[in-house]
N, C-alpha and C. Protein backbone atom coordinates (compact mmCIF):
# COMPACT_ATOMS: atom_id res chain seq x y z
N MET A 1 -1.21 -34.68 -3.97
CA MET A 1 -1.70 -33.03 -3.96
C MET A 1 -1.18 -32.23 -2.60
N ASN A 2 -1.16 -30.87 -2.69
CA ASN A 2 -0.60 -30.40 -1.56
C ASN A 2 -2.14 -29.58 -1.16
N HIS A 3 -2.11 -29.66 0.15
CA HIS A 3 -3.09 -29.10 0.92
C HIS A 3 -2.74 -27.43 1.25
N ILE A 4 -3.85 -26.59 0.67
CA ILE A 4 -3.73 -25.61 0.97
C ILE A 4 -4.91 -25.01 1.75
N GLU A 5 -5.13 -24.17 2.64
CA GLU A 5 -6.10 -24.14 3.60
C GLU A 5 -6.06 -22.50 3.66
N VAL A 6 -6.92 -21.72 3.51
CA VAL A 6 -6.99 -20.37 3.54
C VAL A 6 -7.99 -19.64 4.43
N VAL A 7 -7.27 -18.89 5.18
CA VAL A 7 -8.59 -18.05 6.06
C VAL A 7 -8.60 -16.77 5.54
N PRO A 8 -10.22 -16.68 4.95
CA PRO A 8 -10.26 -15.22 4.74
C PRO A 8 -10.67 -14.25 5.57
N ASP A 9 -10.77 -14.31 6.82
CA ASP A 9 -10.75 -13.18 7.64
C ASP A 9 -9.15 -12.81 8.16
N ALA A 10 -8.19 -13.83 7.96
CA ALA A 10 -6.80 -13.60 8.01
C ALA A 10 -6.19 -12.62 7.14
N VAL A 11 -6.63 -13.11 5.86
CA VAL A 11 -5.99 -12.33 4.32
C VAL A 11 -6.81 -11.01 4.65
N ARG A 12 -8.24 -10.70 4.88
CA ARG A 12 -8.97 -9.40 5.21
C ARG A 12 -8.00 -8.85 6.25
N ALA A 13 -7.56 -9.38 7.30
CA ALA A 13 -6.75 -8.71 8.43
C ALA A 13 -5.15 -7.80 7.81
N TYR A 14 -4.75 -8.75 7.26
CA TYR A 14 -3.46 -8.58 6.77
C TYR A 14 -3.88 -7.20 5.25
N GLY A 15 -5.02 -7.64 4.84
CA GLY A 15 -4.76 -6.25 3.84
C GLY A 15 -5.30 -5.16 4.54
N SER A 16 -6.02 -4.94 5.90
CA SER A 16 -6.52 -3.78 6.71
C SER A 16 -4.91 -3.35 7.12
N ALA A 17 -4.17 -4.17 7.79
CA ALA A 17 -3.12 -4.11 8.52
C ALA A 17 -2.04 -2.88 7.05
N SER A 18 -2.34 -3.70 5.53
CA SER A 18 -1.35 -2.80 4.59
C SER A 18 -2.15 -1.77 4.72
N ALA A 19 -3.37 -1.53 4.28
CA ALA A 19 -4.24 -0.30 4.14
C ALA A 19 -3.78 1.02 5.74
N ALA A 20 -3.46 0.04 6.45
CA ALA A 20 -3.09 1.47 7.64
C ALA A 20 -1.89 1.61 7.08
N MET A 21 -0.73 0.89 6.97
CA MET A 21 0.43 1.10 6.31
C MET A 21 0.53 2.17 5.68
N ALA A 22 -0.24 2.05 4.54
CA ALA A 22 -0.21 2.76 3.43
C ALA A 22 -0.94 4.62 4.17
N ALA A 23 -1.75 4.45 4.92
CA ALA A 23 -2.10 5.86 5.36
C ALA A 23 -0.92 6.46 6.12
N GLY A 24 -0.40 5.59 6.91
CA GLY A 24 1.07 6.14 7.90
C GLY A 24 2.01 6.61 6.69
N VAL A 25 2.58 5.65 5.39
CA VAL A 25 3.33 6.30 4.83
C VAL A 25 2.87 7.42 4.11
N ALA A 26 1.52 7.43 3.49
CA ALA A 26 1.29 8.75 2.44
C ALA A 26 1.40 10.11 3.69
N SER A 27 0.92 9.79 4.50
CA SER A 27 1.06 10.77 5.87
C SER A 27 2.02 11.45 6.22
N ALA A 28 3.56 10.48 6.34
CA ALA A 28 4.77 10.91 6.64
C ALA A 28 5.00 11.78 5.15
N GLY A 29 4.72 11.28 4.07
CA GLY A 29 5.10 12.13 2.65
C GLY A 29 4.57 13.40 2.39
N ALA A 30 3.35 13.51 3.09
CA ALA A 30 2.72 14.99 2.51
C ALA A 30 3.54 15.88 3.44
N VAL A 31 4.36 16.08 2.33
CA VAL A 31 5.20 17.62 3.08
C VAL A 31 5.22 18.43 1.89
N ASP A 32 4.85 19.98 2.16
CA ASP A 32 4.93 20.81 1.36
C ASP A 32 6.08 21.33 1.03
N GLN A 33 6.72 20.97 0.06
CA GLN A 33 8.37 20.85 -0.19
C GLN A 33 8.98 22.46 -0.72
N ALA A 34 8.15 23.53 -1.25
CA ALA A 34 7.96 24.24 -1.56
C ALA A 34 8.37 25.09 0.19
N ALA A 35 7.51 24.64 0.64
CA ALA A 35 7.82 25.62 2.16
C ALA A 35 9.13 25.10 2.82
N THR A 36 9.06 24.00 2.74
CA THR A 36 10.24 23.66 3.67
C THR A 36 11.82 24.21 2.91
N ILE A 37 11.66 24.64 1.69
CA ILE A 37 13.09 25.01 0.90
C ILE A 37 12.77 26.37 1.30
N ALA A 38 11.38 27.19 1.45
CA ALA A 38 11.65 28.46 1.48
C ALA A 38 12.16 28.84 3.16
N THR A 39 11.76 27.74 3.73
CA THR A 39 12.41 27.97 5.38
C THR A 39 13.66 27.83 5.79
N VAL A 40 14.48 27.24 4.54
CA VAL A 40 15.74 27.14 5.04
C VAL A 40 16.62 28.16 4.01
N VAL A 41 15.86 28.80 2.81
CA VAL A 41 16.75 29.92 1.72
C VAL A 41 17.56 30.64 2.91
N PRO A 42 16.87 31.60 4.26
CA PRO A 42 17.47 32.79 4.73
C PRO A 42 18.52 31.91 5.82
N VAL A 43 18.79 30.86 5.92
CA VAL A 43 19.54 30.42 6.37
C VAL A 43 20.94 30.11 5.82
N PHE A 44 20.70 29.56 4.14
CA PHE A 44 21.93 29.34 3.20
C PHE A 44 22.56 30.34 2.55
N GLY A 45 20.91 31.25 2.26
CA GLY A 45 21.59 32.63 1.75
C GLY A 45 22.17 32.36 0.48
N LEU A 46 22.69 33.48 -0.50
CA LEU A 46 22.98 33.56 -2.07
C LEU A 46 23.99 31.97 -1.78
N ILE A 47 25.32 32.07 -0.80
CA ILE A 47 26.19 31.04 -1.08
C ILE A 47 25.90 29.85 -1.12
N GLY A 48 24.62 29.43 -0.36
CA GLY A 48 24.26 28.02 -0.42
C GLY A 48 22.87 27.49 -1.41
N GLN A 49 23.15 28.39 -2.31
CA GLN A 49 21.77 28.24 -3.48
C GLN A 49 22.07 27.15 -4.45
N GLU A 50 23.20 26.34 -4.77
CA GLU A 50 23.09 25.18 -5.51
C GLU A 50 23.39 24.25 -4.28
N PHE A 51 23.78 24.02 -3.01
CA PHE A 51 23.39 23.00 -1.70
C PHE A 51 21.90 22.90 -2.11
N LEU A 52 21.47 23.60 -2.09
CA LEU A 52 19.43 23.86 -1.68
C LEU A 52 19.22 23.75 -2.95
N ALA A 53 19.62 23.53 -4.27
CA ALA A 53 18.76 23.23 -5.58
C ALA A 53 19.10 21.72 -5.66
N SER A 54 20.46 21.25 -4.91
CA SER A 54 20.45 19.90 -5.15
C SER A 54 19.78 18.97 -3.96
N TYR A 55 19.64 19.78 -2.95
CA TYR A 55 18.85 19.28 -1.88
C TYR A 55 17.23 19.23 -2.16
N ALA A 56 16.84 20.23 -2.78
CA ALA A 56 15.31 20.39 -3.27
C ALA A 56 14.97 18.89 -4.65
N PHE A 57 16.20 18.64 -5.01
CA PHE A 57 16.16 17.73 -5.89
C PHE A 57 16.16 16.20 -5.16
N ALA A 58 16.89 15.96 -4.24
CA ALA A 58 16.95 14.71 -3.46
C ALA A 58 15.90 14.92 -2.79
N GLN A 59 14.89 15.46 -1.99
CA GLN A 59 14.12 15.88 -1.23
C GLN A 59 12.89 15.26 -2.33
N ALA A 60 12.46 15.81 -3.37
CA ALA A 60 11.71 15.40 -4.68
C ALA A 60 11.77 14.24 -4.92
N ASN A 61 12.79 13.34 -5.21
CA ASN A 61 12.97 12.15 -4.94
C ASN A 61 12.84 11.23 -4.01
N HIS A 62 12.92 11.61 -2.57
CA HIS A 62 12.67 11.05 -1.76
C HIS A 62 11.19 11.05 -1.58
N LEU A 63 10.44 12.15 -1.70
CA LEU A 63 8.67 12.30 -1.41
C LEU A 63 7.93 11.14 -2.88
N SER A 64 8.86 11.77 -3.74
CA SER A 64 8.36 10.65 -4.97
C SER A 64 8.15 9.00 -4.65
N SER A 65 9.14 8.41 -4.09
CA SER A 65 9.71 7.25 -3.74
C SER A 65 8.61 6.85 -2.04
N VAL A 66 8.21 7.87 -1.47
CA VAL A 66 7.33 7.64 -0.33
C VAL A 66 5.88 7.50 -0.98
N ALA A 67 5.45 8.34 -2.13
CA ALA A 67 4.52 8.13 -2.55
C ALA A 67 4.22 6.92 -3.16
N GLU A 68 5.27 6.50 -4.08
CA GLU A 68 5.15 5.28 -4.71
C GLU A 68 5.07 4.00 -3.77
N LEU A 69 5.22 4.36 -2.56
CA LEU A 69 5.26 2.89 -1.38
C LEU A 69 4.15 3.12 -0.55
N ALA A 70 3.68 4.12 -0.57
CA ALA A 70 2.43 3.94 -0.03
C ALA A 70 1.15 3.46 -1.22
N ALA A 71 1.73 3.57 -2.23
CA ALA A 71 0.71 3.49 -3.41
C ALA A 71 0.89 1.78 -3.44
N VAL A 72 2.24 1.33 -3.17
CA VAL A 72 2.21 -0.32 -3.00
C VAL A 72 1.53 -0.92 -1.74
N HIS A 73 1.38 -0.01 -0.86
CA HIS A 73 0.97 -0.89 0.28
C HIS A 73 -1.01 -0.85 0.12
N ALA A 74 -1.06 0.52 -0.52
CA ALA A 74 -2.42 0.48 -0.90
C ALA A 74 -3.17 -0.82 -1.81
N GLY A 75 -2.25 -0.94 -2.84
CA GLY A 75 -2.42 -1.73 -3.67
C GLY A 75 -2.55 -3.29 -3.05
N THR A 76 -1.54 -3.83 -2.21
CA THR A 76 -1.86 -4.81 -1.55
C THR A 76 -2.77 -4.91 -0.51
N ALA A 77 -3.02 -4.08 0.16
CA ALA A 77 -4.72 -3.68 1.00
C ALA A 77 -5.69 -4.11 -0.05
N LEU A 78 -6.21 -3.78 -1.03
CA LEU A 78 -6.68 -3.94 -2.30
C LEU A 78 -6.94 -5.18 -2.97
N THR A 79 -5.79 -5.79 -3.18
CA THR A 79 -5.51 -7.37 -3.63
C THR A 79 -5.76 -8.40 -2.58
N ALA A 80 -5.43 -8.07 -0.95
CA ALA A 80 -5.75 -8.79 0.00
C ALA A 80 -7.36 -8.62 0.06
N HIS A 81 -7.83 -8.17 0.02
CA HIS A 81 -9.64 -7.92 0.00
C HIS A 81 -10.19 -8.51 -0.79
N GLU A 82 -9.49 -8.17 -1.98
CA GLU A 82 -10.49 -8.82 -3.21
C GLU A 82 -9.75 -10.49 -3.02
N ALA A 83 -8.94 -11.00 -2.87
CA ALA A 83 -8.29 -12.65 -2.60
C ALA A 83 -9.33 -12.84 -1.85
N ALA A 84 -9.41 -12.75 -0.68
CA ALA A 84 -10.22 -13.22 0.67
C ALA A 84 -11.71 -13.31 -0.15
N ALA A 85 -12.50 -12.54 -0.75
CA ALA A 85 -13.91 -12.31 -1.14
C ALA A 85 -13.83 -13.48 -2.44
N THR A 86 -12.58 -13.71 -3.42
CA THR A 86 -12.73 -14.46 -4.31
C THR A 86 -12.24 -16.06 -3.78
N TYR A 87 -11.89 -16.32 -2.47
CA TYR A 87 -11.61 -17.59 -1.83
C TYR A 87 -12.95 -18.14 -1.13
N GLU A 88 -13.70 -17.02 -0.60
CA GLU A 88 -15.25 -17.11 -0.16
C GLU A 88 -15.59 -17.75 -1.43
N VAL A 89 -15.78 -17.09 -2.67
CA VAL A 89 -16.58 -17.30 -3.69
C VAL A 89 -16.79 -18.61 -4.16
N THR A 90 -15.19 -19.06 -4.60
CA THR A 90 -14.82 -20.12 -4.97
C THR A 90 -15.35 -21.19 -4.10
N ASP A 91 -14.92 -21.33 -2.70
CA ASP A 91 -15.24 -21.81 -1.55
C ASP A 91 -16.85 -21.92 -2.00
N GLY A 92 -17.44 -21.28 -1.60
CA GLY A 92 -18.73 -21.57 -1.70
C GLY A 92 -19.19 -22.47 -2.94
N ALA A 93 -18.52 -21.65 -4.50
CA ALA A 93 -19.30 -22.29 -5.81
C ALA A 93 -18.90 -24.21 -5.26
N SER A 94 -17.58 -24.33 -4.88
CA SER A 94 -16.80 -25.83 -4.90
C SER A 94 -18.07 -26.57 -3.94
N SER A 95 -18.56 -26.33 -2.72
CA SER A 95 -19.05 -27.10 -1.63
C SER A 95 -20.57 -26.99 -2.12
N ALA A 96 -21.03 -26.37 -3.07
CA ALA A 96 -22.40 -26.60 -3.75
C ALA A 96 -22.12 -27.52 -4.87
N ALA A 97 -21.02 -27.49 -5.54
CA ALA A 97 -20.67 -28.47 -6.40
C ALA A 97 -21.04 -29.76 -6.02
N ILE A 98 -20.23 -30.16 -5.09
CA ILE A 98 -19.91 -30.51 -4.44
C ILE A 98 -21.00 -31.89 -3.82
N GLY A 99 -22.13 -30.95 -3.00
CA GLY A 99 -23.35 -31.17 -2.66
C GLY A 99 -24.02 -31.65 -3.71
N SER A 100 -24.31 -31.17 -4.87
CA SER A 100 -24.83 -31.51 -6.07
C SER A 100 -24.40 -32.66 -6.39
N VAL A 101 -23.17 -33.13 -6.32
CA VAL A 101 -22.74 -34.55 -6.50
C VAL A 101 -23.32 -35.58 -5.67
N ASN A 102 -23.42 -35.11 -4.37
CA ASN A 102 -23.64 -35.98 -3.45
C ASN A 102 -25.26 -36.42 -3.38
N SER A 103 -26.27 -35.11 -3.55
CA SER A 103 -27.20 -35.57 -3.90
C SER A 103 -27.47 -35.90 -5.18
N LYS A 104 -27.02 -36.27 -6.19
CA LYS A 104 -27.20 -37.12 -7.20
C LYS A 104 -27.16 -38.64 -6.68
N SER A 105 -25.93 -39.23 -6.10
CA SER A 105 -25.74 -40.23 -5.87
C SER A 105 -26.88 -41.08 -5.18
């Protein structure tokens, strides 16, 4: 049988780091796309409209991907904290069960 040892506080620390990454990525992706495009319209004028349309589409895809990445980090953080709690509950229940067997002997 393999030996597995889990340190719940270390799992929680990983979860907290993932939560911080989620916040950082979400902050980086919090861009007002309409304002960004409106700012560059005068630079490109009528000639650059096709480029700006393509750029707006690419930027929308990028911002969508950044939001998805932030959600993945947030989900990882939540799962890590839940896993740490589950390990502690299971360990406590197992300890109580072993203790009850020893007290019956």
